[in-house]
Amino acid sequence: MKKMREERRSKTWVAWASIGVLAAAGVVVWQVWPSEVTAVSVPSRVCEDSLSGVPVRALLPETGKPFSEGYSFGFNPSNTRELKRPGICNLSGGGKSVKIETEILRKSEYTMEDVARDASKSGSTSIVLGSTRGFHRGATASLFVNCTYHTGDETQLLSVDVTYEKTTERSDIKEMASLASDTIRLMAGKIWLCEEAADLPNGQPQVG
């Protein structure tokens, strides 16, 4: 009987010791975990310091993988080697990303009438900035403005696509539209010198 009591005491002590070890480990994990959370620090200017980082900061998570940026061509108007070349800017942080892409489209392929048609489709949200028209659908906000490329006779459209993630959140769409507006003002006014650049107002676009 005495031996059985001693065995029970021994097992009880082992159980409590195990609980104590686990509890101590839990405290260690709790203490270490916060130090591993990295703040996503989005700079005030992005894409070769040419665009405001405010909309990007609103779209990316506050914590997670550090912020990173990669770009090619046509985002810094002071760099003459990059003028007249459509650009791409990739921004990421916290496990999410924002891609900004510019392009010149021939009007024989896509017109402002096509923009209006696509903006009115089910699932699209219209975006308007002065003479610029566009829409959000799926994961992308797009804006278009007339821009004649002066090496040829054919009139063309300058387009900007901001791709984030598939969303119907109005706050996200507004931030994407704001970033697209900043980009098309830069592209139309300082890089591609579009004839309608002077008609693009400052401020936020009309969404919806």
N, C-alpha and C. Protein backbone atom coordinates (compact mmCIF):
# COMPACT_ATOMS: atom_id res chain seq x y z
N MET A 1 0.84 -1.21 0.00
CA MET A 1 0.00 0.00 0.00
C MET A 1 0.87 1.26 0.00
N LYS A 2 1.88 1.22 0.88
CA LYS A 2 2.78 2.37 0.97
C LYS A 2 3.49 2.59 -0.37
N LYS A 3 3.88 1.48 -0.99
CA LYS A 3 4.56 1.58 -2.28
C LYS A 3 3.65 2.19 -3.34
N MET A 4 2.37 1.82 -3.33
CA MET A 4 1.41 2.36 -4.29
C MET A 4 1.22 3.85 -4.09
N ARG A 5 1.16 4.28 -2.81
CA ARG A 5 1.00 5.71 -2.54
C ARG A 5 2.21 6.50 -3.04
N GLU A 6 3.39 5.91 -2.85
CA GLU A 6 4.60 6.58 -3.31
C GLU A 6 4.62 6.68 -4.83
N GLU A 7 4.14 5.63 -5.52
CA GLU A 7 4.09 5.66 -6.98
C GLU A 7 3.12 6.73 -7.48
N ARG A 8 1.95 6.83 -6.78
CA ARG A 8 0.97 7.85 -7.17
C ARG A 8 1.55 9.26 -6.98
N ARG A 9 2.27 9.44 -5.82
CA ARG A 9 2.88 10.75 -5.57
C ARG A 9 3.91 11.07 -6.67
N SER A 10 4.66 10.05 -7.05
CA SER A 10 5.68 10.24 -8.08
C SER A 10 5.06 10.63 -9.41
N LYS A 11 3.96 9.95 -9.78
CA LYS A 11 3.27 10.28 -11.03
C LYS A 11 2.67 11.68 -10.98
N THR A 12 2.09 12.03 -9.85
CA THR A 12 1.50 13.36 -9.69
C THR A 12 2.57 14.44 -9.83
N TRP A 13 3.72 14.17 -9.20
CA TRP A 13 4.81 15.16 -9.27
C TRP A 13 5.29 15.34 -10.72
N VAL A 14 5.39 14.20 -11.43
CA VAL A 14 5.82 14.27 -12.84
C VAL A 14 4.82 15.05 -13.67
N ALA A 15 3.51 14.83 -13.42
CA ALA A 15 2.47 15.54 -14.18
C ALA A 15 2.55 17.03 -13.94
N TRP A 16 2.66 17.43 -12.66
CA TRP A 16 2.75 18.86 -12.35
C TRP A 16 4.04 19.47 -12.90
N ALA A 17 5.11 18.70 -12.87
CA ALA A 17 6.38 19.19 -13.43
C ALA A 17 6.23 19.44 -14.93
N SER A 18 5.53 18.51 -15.61
CA SER A 18 5.31 18.66 -17.06
C SER A 18 4.49 19.90 -17.35
N ILE A 19 3.43 20.12 -16.54
CA ILE A 19 2.59 21.31 -16.73
C ILE A 19 3.42 22.56 -16.52
N GLY A 20 4.30 22.52 -15.51
CA GLY A 20 5.15 23.67 -15.23
C GLY A 20 6.08 23.98 -16.38
N VAL A 21 6.66 22.94 -16.99
CA VAL A 21 7.56 23.13 -18.13
C VAL A 21 6.81 23.73 -19.31
N LEU A 22 5.61 23.20 -19.57
CA LEU A 22 4.80 23.73 -20.68
C LEU A 22 4.41 25.18 -20.43
N ALA A 23 4.04 25.48 -19.20
CA ALA A 23 3.66 26.85 -18.87
C ALA A 23 4.83 27.78 -19.06
N ALA A 24 6.01 27.34 -18.60
CA ALA A 24 7.21 28.16 -18.76
C ALA A 24 7.52 28.37 -20.24
N ALA A 25 7.36 27.30 -21.04
CA ALA A 25 7.60 27.41 -22.48
C ALA A 25 6.62 28.38 -23.12
N GLY A 26 5.37 28.34 -22.63
CA GLY A 26 4.35 29.26 -23.14
C GLY A 26 4.73 30.69 -22.87
N VAL A 27 5.26 30.95 -21.68
CA VAL A 27 5.69 32.31 -21.34
C VAL A 27 6.82 32.74 -22.24
N VAL A 28 7.77 31.81 -22.50
CA VAL A 28 8.89 32.14 -23.38
C VAL A 28 8.39 32.48 -24.78
N VAL A 29 7.47 31.65 -25.32
CA VAL A 29 6.92 31.91 -26.66
C VAL A 29 6.21 33.24 -26.68
N TRP A 30 5.42 33.54 -25.67
CA TRP A 30 4.68 34.80 -25.61
C TRP A 30 5.63 35.98 -25.58
N GLN A 31 6.76 35.81 -24.87
CA GLN A 31 7.71 36.90 -24.77
C GLN A 31 8.50 37.09 -26.06
N VAL A 32 8.78 35.99 -26.77
CA VAL A 32 9.59 36.08 -27.97
C VAL A 32 8.77 36.51 -29.18
N TRP A 33 7.51 36.05 -29.28
CA TRP A 33 6.70 36.28 -30.49
C TRP A 33 6.55 37.74 -30.88
N PRO A 34 6.22 38.66 -29.94
CA PRO A 34 6.05 40.04 -30.37
C PRO A 34 7.29 40.63 -31.02
N SER A 35 8.48 40.18 -30.57
CA SER A 35 9.71 40.74 -31.13
C SER A 35 9.92 40.29 -32.57
N GLU A 36 9.22 39.23 -33.00
CA GLU A 36 9.38 38.73 -34.36
C GLU A 36 8.39 39.38 -35.33
N VAL A 37 7.47 40.17 -34.85
CA VAL A 37 6.51 40.86 -35.71
C VAL A 37 7.17 42.11 -36.26
N THR A 38 7.27 42.19 -37.58
CA THR A 38 7.94 43.31 -38.23
C THR A 38 6.92 44.29 -38.79
N ALA A 39 7.11 45.55 -38.49
CA ALA A 39 6.23 46.59 -39.04
C ALA A 39 6.54 46.78 -40.52
N VAL A 40 5.50 46.91 -41.34
CA VAL A 40 5.67 47.19 -42.77
C VAL A 40 5.80 48.70 -42.92
N SER A 41 7.00 49.16 -43.16
CA SER A 41 7.28 50.59 -43.24
C SER A 41 7.26 51.06 -44.69
N VAL A 42 6.13 51.63 -45.12
CA VAL A 42 5.99 52.14 -46.48
C VAL A 42 6.49 53.59 -46.51
N PRO A 43 7.44 53.92 -47.37
CA PRO A 43 7.97 55.29 -47.42
C PRO A 43 6.92 56.28 -47.93
N SER A 44 7.18 57.55 -47.71
CA SER A 44 6.23 58.59 -48.13
C SER A 44 6.14 58.70 -49.65
N ARG A 45 7.22 58.32 -50.35
CA ARG A 45 7.24 58.32 -51.81
C ARG A 45 7.68 56.94 -52.29
N VAL A 46 7.02 56.44 -53.33
CA VAL A 46 7.32 55.11 -53.87
C VAL A 46 7.54 55.19 -55.37
N CYS A 47 7.91 54.07 -55.97
CA CYS A 47 8.15 54.00 -57.42
C CYS A 47 9.16 55.05 -57.85
N GLU A 48 10.39 54.88 -57.37
CA GLU A 48 11.48 55.79 -57.68
C GLU A 48 11.17 57.21 -57.19
N ASP A 49 10.53 57.29 -56.02
CA ASP A 49 10.18 58.58 -55.39
C ASP A 49 9.24 59.43 -56.24
N SER A 50 8.46 58.81 -57.12
CA SER A 50 7.64 59.58 -58.04
C SER A 50 6.16 59.63 -57.65
N LEU A 51 5.71 58.73 -56.75
CA LEU A 51 4.30 58.66 -56.38
C LEU A 51 4.15 58.67 -54.86
N SER A 52 3.00 59.15 -54.40
CA SER A 52 2.72 59.14 -52.97
C SER A 52 2.59 57.72 -52.45
N GLY A 53 3.18 57.46 -51.28
CA GLY A 53 3.07 56.15 -50.68
C GLY A 53 1.84 55.97 -49.80
N VAL A 54 1.04 57.04 -49.65
CA VAL A 54 -0.12 56.99 -48.75
C VAL A 54 -1.13 55.92 -49.15
N PRO A 55 -1.58 55.85 -50.42
CA PRO A 55 -2.53 54.77 -50.79
C PRO A 55 -1.94 53.38 -50.62
N VAL A 56 -0.65 53.24 -50.88
CA VAL A 56 0.01 51.94 -50.74
C VAL A 56 0.02 51.53 -49.28
N ARG A 57 0.30 52.49 -48.40
CA ARG A 57 0.30 52.20 -46.96
C ARG A 57 -1.07 51.73 -46.49
N ALA A 58 -2.12 52.29 -47.08
CA ALA A 58 -3.48 51.91 -46.69
C ALA A 58 -3.84 50.52 -47.19
N LEU A 59 -3.25 50.08 -48.29
CA LEU A 59 -3.59 48.78 -48.87
C LEU A 59 -2.79 47.63 -48.25
N LEU A 60 -1.53 47.87 -47.94
CA LEU A 60 -0.69 46.80 -47.40
C LEU A 60 -0.93 46.61 -45.90
N PRO A 61 -0.74 45.39 -45.38
CA PRO A 61 -0.88 45.16 -43.95
C PRO A 61 0.12 45.99 -43.15
N GLU A 62 -0.17 46.21 -41.88
CA GLU A 62 0.72 47.00 -41.04
C GLU A 62 1.93 46.20 -40.58
N THR A 63 1.80 44.88 -40.50
CA THR A 63 2.91 44.04 -40.06
C THR A 63 3.08 42.85 -40.99
N GLY A 64 4.27 42.25 -40.93
CA GLY A 64 4.55 41.08 -41.76
C GLY A 64 5.88 41.25 -42.47
N LYS A 65 5.99 40.68 -43.65
CA LYS A 65 7.24 40.79 -44.41
C LYS A 65 7.55 42.26 -44.71
N PRO A 66 8.82 42.64 -44.64
CA PRO A 66 9.20 44.05 -44.85
C PRO A 66 8.78 44.57 -46.23
N PHE A 67 8.64 45.87 -46.33
CA PHE A 67 8.29 46.52 -47.59
C PHE A 67 9.43 46.37 -48.58
N SER A 68 9.06 46.14 -49.83
CA SER A 68 10.06 46.10 -50.90
C SER A 68 9.48 46.74 -52.16
N GLU A 69 10.35 47.22 -53.02
CA GLU A 69 9.95 47.92 -54.24
C GLU A 69 10.83 47.51 -55.40
N GLY A 70 10.21 47.33 -56.55
CA GLY A 70 10.94 47.09 -57.77
C GLY A 70 10.25 47.80 -58.91
N TYR A 71 10.98 48.44 -59.80
CA TYR A 71 10.36 49.20 -60.88
C TYR A 71 11.22 49.12 -62.13
N SER A 72 10.60 49.43 -63.25
CA SER A 72 11.32 49.49 -64.52
C SER A 72 10.73 50.58 -65.39
N PHE A 73 11.60 51.45 -65.87
CA PHE A 73 11.22 52.46 -66.87
C PHE A 73 10.16 53.46 -66.39
N GLY A 74 10.20 54.62 -66.98
CA GLY A 74 9.13 55.59 -66.97
C GLY A 74 8.43 55.94 -65.67
N PHE A 75 9.13 56.02 -64.53
CA PHE A 75 8.48 56.49 -63.32
C PHE A 75 9.12 57.75 -62.75
N ASN A 76 10.35 58.01 -63.10
CA ASN A 76 11.01 59.22 -62.64
C ASN A 76 11.20 60.17 -63.81
N PRO A 77 10.40 61.24 -63.88
CA PRO A 77 10.47 62.14 -65.04
C PRO A 77 11.80 62.89 -65.14
N SER A 78 12.59 62.92 -64.04
CA SER A 78 13.88 63.62 -64.10
C SER A 78 14.95 62.75 -64.75
N ASN A 79 14.65 61.47 -64.93
CA ASN A 79 15.60 60.56 -65.56
C ASN A 79 15.26 60.45 -67.04
N THR A 80 15.93 61.22 -67.87
CA THR A 80 15.58 61.31 -69.29
C THR A 80 15.77 59.98 -70.01
N ARG A 81 16.60 59.10 -69.48
CA ARG A 81 16.82 57.81 -70.14
C ARG A 81 15.57 56.94 -70.06
N GLU A 82 14.65 57.27 -69.14
CA GLU A 82 13.48 56.44 -68.95
C GLU A 82 12.21 57.03 -69.57
N LEU A 83 12.31 58.18 -70.22
CA LEU A 83 11.13 58.79 -70.80
C LEU A 83 10.64 57.99 -72.00
N LYS A 84 9.34 58.12 -72.26
CA LYS A 84 8.69 57.49 -73.41
C LYS A 84 8.81 55.97 -73.40
N ARG A 85 8.80 55.39 -72.20
CA ARG A 85 8.80 53.94 -72.10
C ARG A 85 7.82 53.54 -71.01
N PRO A 86 6.81 52.74 -71.35
CA PRO A 86 5.85 52.30 -70.33
C PRO A 86 6.56 51.65 -69.15
N GLY A 87 6.08 51.93 -67.96
CA GLY A 87 6.76 51.44 -66.76
C GLY A 87 5.92 50.48 -65.94
N ILE A 88 6.59 49.71 -65.11
CA ILE A 88 5.96 48.81 -64.15
C ILE A 88 6.59 49.05 -62.79
N CYS A 89 5.77 49.12 -61.75
CA CYS A 89 6.27 49.28 -60.40
C CYS A 89 5.58 48.25 -59.51
N ASN A 90 6.38 47.40 -58.86
CA ASN A 90 5.87 46.38 -57.95
C ASN A 90 6.20 46.76 -56.52
N LEU A 91 5.18 46.80 -55.67
CA LEU A 91 5.33 47.16 -54.26
C LEU A 91 4.75 46.04 -53.42
N SER A 92 5.46 45.63 -52.39
CA SER A 92 4.95 44.53 -51.57
C SER A 92 5.34 44.71 -50.10
N GLY A 93 4.59 44.02 -49.25
CA GLY A 93 4.85 44.06 -47.81
C GLY A 93 3.75 43.35 -47.07
N GLY A 94 4.10 42.66 -45.98
CA GLY A 94 3.09 41.98 -45.19
C GLY A 94 2.41 40.83 -45.89
N GLY A 95 3.04 40.30 -46.93
CA GLY A 95 2.45 39.18 -47.66
C GLY A 95 1.50 39.58 -48.76
N LYS A 96 1.33 40.88 -49.02
CA LYS A 96 0.47 41.35 -50.10
C LYS A 96 1.28 42.25 -51.03
N SER A 97 0.74 42.52 -52.23
CA SER A 97 1.48 43.32 -53.19
C SER A 97 0.55 44.24 -53.97
N VAL A 98 1.13 45.32 -54.49
CA VAL A 98 0.44 46.27 -55.36
C VAL A 98 1.30 46.43 -56.61
N LYS A 99 0.69 46.24 -57.78
CA LYS A 99 1.42 46.38 -59.04
C LYS A 99 0.83 47.53 -59.84
N ILE A 100 1.69 48.43 -60.30
CA ILE A 100 1.28 49.56 -61.14
C ILE A 100 1.90 49.36 -62.51
N GLU A 101 1.06 49.37 -63.53
CA GLU A 101 1.56 49.12 -64.88
C GLU A 101 0.98 50.14 -65.85
N THR A 102 1.82 50.72 -66.68
CA THR A 102 1.37 51.68 -67.68
C THR A 102 1.56 51.13 -69.08
N GLU A 103 0.74 51.62 -70.01
CA GLU A 103 0.78 51.10 -71.37
C GLU A 103 0.20 52.12 -72.33
N ILE A 104 0.66 52.10 -73.55
CA ILE A 104 0.08 52.91 -74.62
C ILE A 104 -0.72 51.98 -75.54
N LEU A 105 -2.01 52.30 -75.73
CA LEU A 105 -2.90 51.47 -76.55
C LEU A 105 -3.32 52.20 -77.81
N ARG A 106 -3.30 51.52 -78.93
CA ARG A 106 -3.82 52.12 -80.16
C ARG A 106 -5.34 52.18 -80.09
N LYS A 107 -5.89 53.28 -80.56
CA LYS A 107 -7.35 53.42 -80.53
C LYS A 107 -8.05 52.46 -81.49
N SER A 108 -7.31 51.91 -82.43
CA SER A 108 -7.91 50.90 -83.29
C SER A 108 -8.16 49.61 -82.50
N GLU A 109 -7.49 49.48 -81.34
CA GLU A 109 -7.65 48.29 -80.50
C GLU A 109 -8.58 48.53 -79.31
N TYR A 110 -8.55 49.77 -78.77
CA TYR A 110 -9.35 50.06 -77.59
C TYR A 110 -9.60 51.57 -77.54
N THR A 111 -10.86 51.94 -77.35
CA THR A 111 -11.24 53.35 -77.38
C THR A 111 -11.91 53.75 -76.06
N MET A 112 -12.18 55.05 -75.91
CA MET A 112 -12.88 55.52 -74.72
C MET A 112 -14.31 55.00 -74.70
N GLU A 113 -14.88 54.70 -75.87
CA GLU A 113 -16.19 54.06 -75.92
C GLU A 113 -16.13 52.66 -75.31
N ASP A 114 -15.04 51.98 -75.59
CA ASP A 114 -14.84 50.66 -74.97
C ASP A 114 -14.70 50.78 -73.45
N VAL A 115 -14.02 51.84 -73.01
CA VAL A 115 -13.87 52.08 -71.57
C VAL A 115 -15.24 52.26 -70.92
N ALA A 116 -16.08 53.11 -71.54
CA ALA A 116 -17.42 53.35 -71.02
C ALA A 116 -18.24 52.07 -70.97
N ARG A 117 -18.12 51.25 -72.00
CA ARG A 117 -18.84 49.97 -72.04
C ARG A 117 -18.40 49.06 -70.90
N ASP A 118 -17.10 48.95 -70.70
CA ASP A 118 -16.58 48.06 -69.66
C ASP A 118 -16.88 48.61 -68.26
N ALA A 119 -16.93 49.93 -68.13
CA ALA A 119 -17.23 50.53 -66.83
C ALA A 119 -18.67 50.29 -66.42
N SER A 120 -19.55 50.08 -67.39
CA SER A 120 -20.98 49.88 -67.10
C SER A 120 -21.35 48.41 -66.92
N LYS A 121 -20.40 47.52 -67.12
CA LYS A 121 -20.69 46.10 -66.97
C LYS A 121 -20.95 45.73 -65.51
N SER A 122 -21.70 44.67 -65.31
CA SER A 122 -21.96 44.17 -63.97
C SER A 122 -20.65 43.77 -63.30
N GLY A 123 -20.47 44.19 -62.06
CA GLY A 123 -19.24 43.89 -61.34
C GLY A 123 -18.19 44.96 -61.47
N SER A 124 -18.42 45.97 -62.31
CA SER A 124 -17.47 47.07 -62.48
C SER A 124 -17.90 48.27 -61.64
N THR A 125 -16.92 49.03 -61.17
CA THR A 125 -17.16 50.29 -60.47
C THR A 125 -16.47 51.38 -61.27
N SER A 126 -17.22 52.39 -61.72
CA SER A 126 -16.65 53.43 -62.57
C SER A 126 -15.71 54.35 -61.77
N ILE A 127 -14.70 54.87 -62.46
CA ILE A 127 -13.76 55.82 -61.89
C ILE A 127 -13.63 56.99 -62.86
N VAL A 128 -13.76 58.21 -62.35
CA VAL A 128 -13.70 59.40 -63.20
C VAL A 128 -12.74 60.42 -62.58
N LEU A 129 -11.83 60.95 -63.38
CA LEU A 129 -10.93 62.01 -62.97
C LEU A 129 -10.82 63.00 -64.12
N GLY A 130 -11.63 64.07 -64.09
CA GLY A 130 -11.64 65.01 -65.21
C GLY A 130 -12.00 64.31 -66.49
N SER A 131 -11.14 64.42 -67.50
CA SER A 131 -11.40 63.77 -68.79
C SER A 131 -10.97 62.31 -68.79
N THR A 132 -10.39 61.87 -67.69
CA THR A 132 -9.96 60.48 -67.58
C THR A 132 -11.12 59.61 -67.15
N ARG A 133 -11.26 58.46 -67.76
CA ARG A 133 -12.30 57.52 -67.40
C ARG A 133 -11.67 56.16 -67.14
N GLY A 134 -12.35 55.38 -66.31
CA GLY A 134 -11.85 54.04 -66.03
C GLY A 134 -12.82 53.27 -65.17
N PHE A 135 -12.34 52.20 -64.59
CA PHE A 135 -13.22 51.34 -63.79
C PHE A 135 -12.38 50.39 -62.94
N HIS A 136 -13.00 49.90 -61.89
CA HIS A 136 -12.42 48.82 -61.10
C HIS A 136 -13.23 47.56 -61.36
N ARG A 137 -12.54 46.46 -61.56
CA ARG A 137 -13.21 45.17 -61.69
C ARG A 137 -12.25 44.08 -61.24
N GLY A 138 -12.74 43.20 -60.39
CA GLY A 138 -11.90 42.10 -59.91
C GLY A 138 -10.78 42.58 -59.01
N ALA A 139 -9.55 42.48 -59.49
CA ALA A 139 -8.39 42.86 -58.70
C ALA A 139 -7.70 44.11 -59.21
N THR A 140 -8.28 44.78 -60.22
CA THR A 140 -7.57 45.87 -60.90
C THR A 140 -8.43 47.11 -61.05
N ALA A 141 -7.79 48.27 -60.80
CA ALA A 141 -8.39 49.57 -61.11
C ALA A 141 -7.65 50.14 -62.31
N SER A 142 -8.39 50.53 -63.34
CA SER A 142 -7.79 51.00 -64.59
C SER A 142 -8.28 52.41 -64.93
N LEU A 143 -7.37 53.25 -65.42
CA LEU A 143 -7.72 54.59 -65.90
C LEU A 143 -7.13 54.78 -67.29
N PHE A 144 -7.84 55.60 -68.13
CA PHE A 144 -7.42 55.82 -69.51
C PHE A 144 -7.57 57.30 -69.85
N VAL A 145 -6.62 57.80 -70.66
CA VAL A 145 -6.71 59.19 -71.12
C VAL A 145 -6.20 59.25 -72.55
N ASN A 146 -6.80 60.12 -73.37
CA ASN A 146 -6.34 60.30 -74.75
C ASN A 146 -4.91 60.83 -74.75
N CYS A 147 -4.10 60.24 -75.60
CA CYS A 147 -2.68 60.65 -75.66
C CYS A 147 -2.13 60.32 -77.04
N THR A 148 -2.03 61.33 -77.90
CA THR A 148 -1.49 61.11 -79.24
C THR A 148 0.02 60.93 -79.16
N TYR A 149 0.49 59.87 -79.73
CA TYR A 149 1.93 59.63 -79.78
C TYR A 149 2.45 60.32 -81.03
N HIS A 150 3.29 61.32 -80.85
CA HIS A 150 3.58 62.27 -81.92
C HIS A 150 4.54 61.75 -82.99
N THR A 151 4.98 60.51 -82.89
CA THR A 151 5.80 59.95 -83.97
C THR A 151 4.94 59.32 -85.06
N GLY A 152 3.63 59.29 -84.85
CA GLY A 152 2.74 58.71 -85.84
C GLY A 152 1.43 59.47 -85.89
N ASP A 153 0.58 59.12 -86.83
CA ASP A 153 -0.69 59.83 -87.01
C ASP A 153 -1.81 59.25 -86.16
N GLU A 154 -1.67 58.02 -85.70
CA GLU A 154 -2.76 57.37 -85.00
C GLU A 154 -2.87 57.85 -83.55
N THR A 155 -4.09 58.26 -83.18
CA THR A 155 -4.30 58.66 -81.79
C THR A 155 -4.33 57.42 -80.90
N GLN A 156 -3.95 57.62 -79.65
CA GLN A 156 -3.81 56.50 -78.76
C GLN A 156 -4.34 56.83 -77.37
N LEU A 157 -4.38 55.80 -76.53
CA LEU A 157 -4.78 55.96 -75.14
C LEU A 157 -3.60 55.59 -74.24
N LEU A 158 -3.42 56.40 -73.21
CA LEU A 158 -2.50 56.04 -72.14
C LEU A 158 -3.31 55.34 -71.07
N SER A 159 -2.87 54.17 -70.65
CA SER A 159 -3.61 53.42 -69.63
C SER A 159 -2.73 53.18 -68.41
N VAL A 160 -3.39 53.14 -67.25
CA VAL A 160 -2.73 52.79 -66.00
C VAL A 160 -3.56 51.71 -65.32
N ASP A 161 -2.92 50.61 -64.94
CA ASP A 161 -3.58 49.54 -64.19
C ASP A 161 -2.93 49.43 -62.81
N VAL A 162 -3.76 49.46 -61.77
CA VAL A 162 -3.29 49.20 -60.41
C VAL A 162 -3.93 47.89 -59.95
N THR A 163 -3.11 46.87 -59.77
CA THR A 163 -3.61 45.55 -59.38
C THR A 163 -3.22 45.26 -57.93
N TYR A 164 -4.21 44.92 -57.13
CA TYR A 164 -3.99 44.65 -55.71
C TYR A 164 -4.42 43.22 -55.37
N GLU A 165 -5.68 43.01 -55.18
CA GLU A 165 -6.25 41.68 -54.98
C GLU A 165 -7.74 41.78 -55.27
N LYS A 166 -8.36 40.67 -55.55
CA LYS A 166 -9.78 40.69 -55.86
C LYS A 166 -10.54 41.19 -54.64
N THR A 167 -11.29 42.28 -54.81
CA THR A 167 -11.97 42.89 -53.67
C THR A 167 -13.21 43.65 -54.12
N THR A 168 -14.16 43.74 -53.21
CA THR A 168 -15.34 44.59 -53.42
C THR A 168 -15.41 45.64 -52.33
N GLU A 169 -14.38 45.71 -51.48
CA GLU A 169 -14.36 46.70 -50.41
C GLU A 169 -14.18 48.10 -51.00
N ARG A 170 -15.14 48.98 -50.72
CA ARG A 170 -15.10 50.32 -51.30
C ARG A 170 -13.84 51.08 -50.88
N SER A 171 -13.42 50.88 -49.63
CA SER A 171 -12.23 51.59 -49.15
C SER A 171 -10.99 51.16 -49.95
N ASP A 172 -10.87 49.88 -50.27
CA ASP A 172 -9.75 49.40 -51.08
C ASP A 172 -9.83 49.96 -52.49
N ILE A 173 -11.02 49.95 -53.06
CA ILE A 173 -11.19 50.47 -54.43
C ILE A 173 -10.82 51.95 -54.49
N LYS A 174 -11.18 52.71 -53.47
CA LYS A 174 -10.85 54.13 -53.43
C LYS A 174 -9.34 54.35 -53.39
N GLU A 175 -8.63 53.55 -52.60
CA GLU A 175 -7.18 53.68 -52.52
C GLU A 175 -6.53 53.30 -53.84
N MET A 176 -7.02 52.25 -54.48
CA MET A 176 -6.49 51.83 -55.77
C MET A 176 -6.74 52.92 -56.82
N ALA A 177 -7.94 53.50 -56.80
CA ALA A 177 -8.28 54.57 -57.74
C ALA A 177 -7.42 55.80 -57.50
N SER A 178 -7.15 56.10 -56.23
CA SER A 178 -6.29 57.24 -55.90
C SER A 178 -4.88 57.03 -56.44
N LEU A 179 -4.35 55.83 -56.28
CA LEU A 179 -3.02 55.52 -56.78
C LEU A 179 -2.99 55.56 -58.31
N ALA A 180 -4.04 55.07 -58.94
CA ALA A 180 -4.12 55.13 -60.40
C ALA A 180 -4.17 56.58 -60.88
N SER A 181 -4.89 57.43 -60.15
CA SER A 181 -5.00 58.85 -60.52
C SER A 181 -3.65 59.55 -60.40
N ASP A 182 -2.94 59.31 -59.30
CA ASP A 182 -1.60 59.90 -59.14
C ASP A 182 -0.69 59.47 -60.28
N THR A 183 -0.80 58.20 -60.66
CA THR A 183 0.07 57.66 -61.70
C THR A 183 -0.25 58.25 -63.06
N ILE A 184 -1.53 58.36 -63.39
CA ILE A 184 -1.88 58.87 -64.73
C ILE A 184 -1.59 60.36 -64.85
N ARG A 185 -1.69 61.10 -63.73
CA ARG A 185 -1.28 62.52 -63.77
C ARG A 185 0.21 62.63 -64.06
N LEU A 186 1.00 61.78 -63.42
CA LEU A 186 2.45 61.78 -63.65
C LEU A 186 2.76 61.40 -65.09
N MET A 187 2.16 60.31 -65.56
CA MET A 187 2.47 59.81 -66.89
C MET A 187 2.02 60.77 -67.99
N ALA A 188 0.80 61.27 -67.84
CA ALA A 188 0.24 62.15 -68.88
C ALA A 188 0.91 63.52 -68.90
N GLY A 189 1.24 64.03 -67.70
CA GLY A 189 1.75 65.40 -67.62
C GLY A 189 3.24 65.55 -67.72
N LYS A 190 4.02 64.55 -67.25
CA LYS A 190 5.46 64.74 -67.16
C LYS A 190 6.28 63.75 -67.96
N ILE A 191 5.67 62.65 -68.38
CA ILE A 191 6.45 61.65 -69.11
C ILE A 191 6.00 61.53 -70.56
N TRP A 192 4.70 61.30 -70.78
CA TRP A 192 4.21 61.15 -72.15
C TRP A 192 3.69 62.44 -72.75
N LEU A 193 3.55 63.48 -71.93
CA LEU A 193 3.14 64.81 -72.39
C LEU A 193 1.86 64.75 -73.24
N CYS A 194 0.84 64.12 -72.69
CA CYS A 194 -0.43 63.98 -73.40
C CYS A 194 -1.16 65.32 -73.48
N GLU A 195 -1.90 65.49 -74.57
CA GLU A 195 -2.59 66.77 -74.79
C GLU A 195 -3.68 67.04 -73.75
N GLU A 196 -4.21 66.02 -73.13
CA GLU A 196 -5.27 66.22 -72.14
C GLU A 196 -4.76 66.28 -70.70
N ALA A 197 -3.44 66.34 -70.54
CA ALA A 197 -2.87 66.36 -69.20
C ALA A 197 -3.34 67.57 -68.40
N ALA A 198 -3.48 68.71 -69.07
CA ALA A 198 -3.89 69.94 -68.38
C ALA A 198 -5.31 69.86 -67.85
N ASP A 199 -6.11 68.93 -68.37
CA ASP A 199 -7.50 68.78 -67.94
C ASP A 199 -7.64 67.82 -66.76
N LEU A 200 -6.56 67.24 -66.29
CA LEU A 200 -6.63 66.29 -65.18
C LEU A 200 -6.52 67.06 -63.87
N PRO A 201 -7.58 67.08 -63.08
CA PRO A 201 -7.56 67.85 -61.84
C PRO A 201 -6.76 67.16 -60.75
N ASN A 202 -6.32 67.93 -59.77
CA ASN A 202 -5.70 67.36 -58.59
C ASN A 202 -6.80 66.80 -57.68
N GLY A 203 -6.39 66.10 -56.66
CA GLY A 203 -7.39 65.56 -55.73
C GLY A 203 -7.81 64.16 -56.08
N GLN A 204 -8.84 63.71 -55.39
CA GLN A 204 -9.31 62.33 -55.51
C GLN A 204 -10.26 62.15 -56.67
N PRO A 205 -10.26 60.98 -57.30
CA PRO A 205 -11.20 60.71 -58.38
C PRO A 205 -12.59 60.40 -57.82
N GLN A 206 -13.56 60.47 -58.69
CA GLN A 206 -14.92 60.07 -58.32
C GLN A 206 -15.05 58.56 -58.54
N VAL A 207 -15.45 57.86 -57.51
CA VAL A 207 -15.56 56.40 -57.58
C VAL A 207 -17.02 55.99 -57.45
N GLY A 208 -17.53 55.23 -58.44
CA GLY A 208 -18.90 54.75 -58.37
C GLY A 208 -19.91 55.69 -58.98
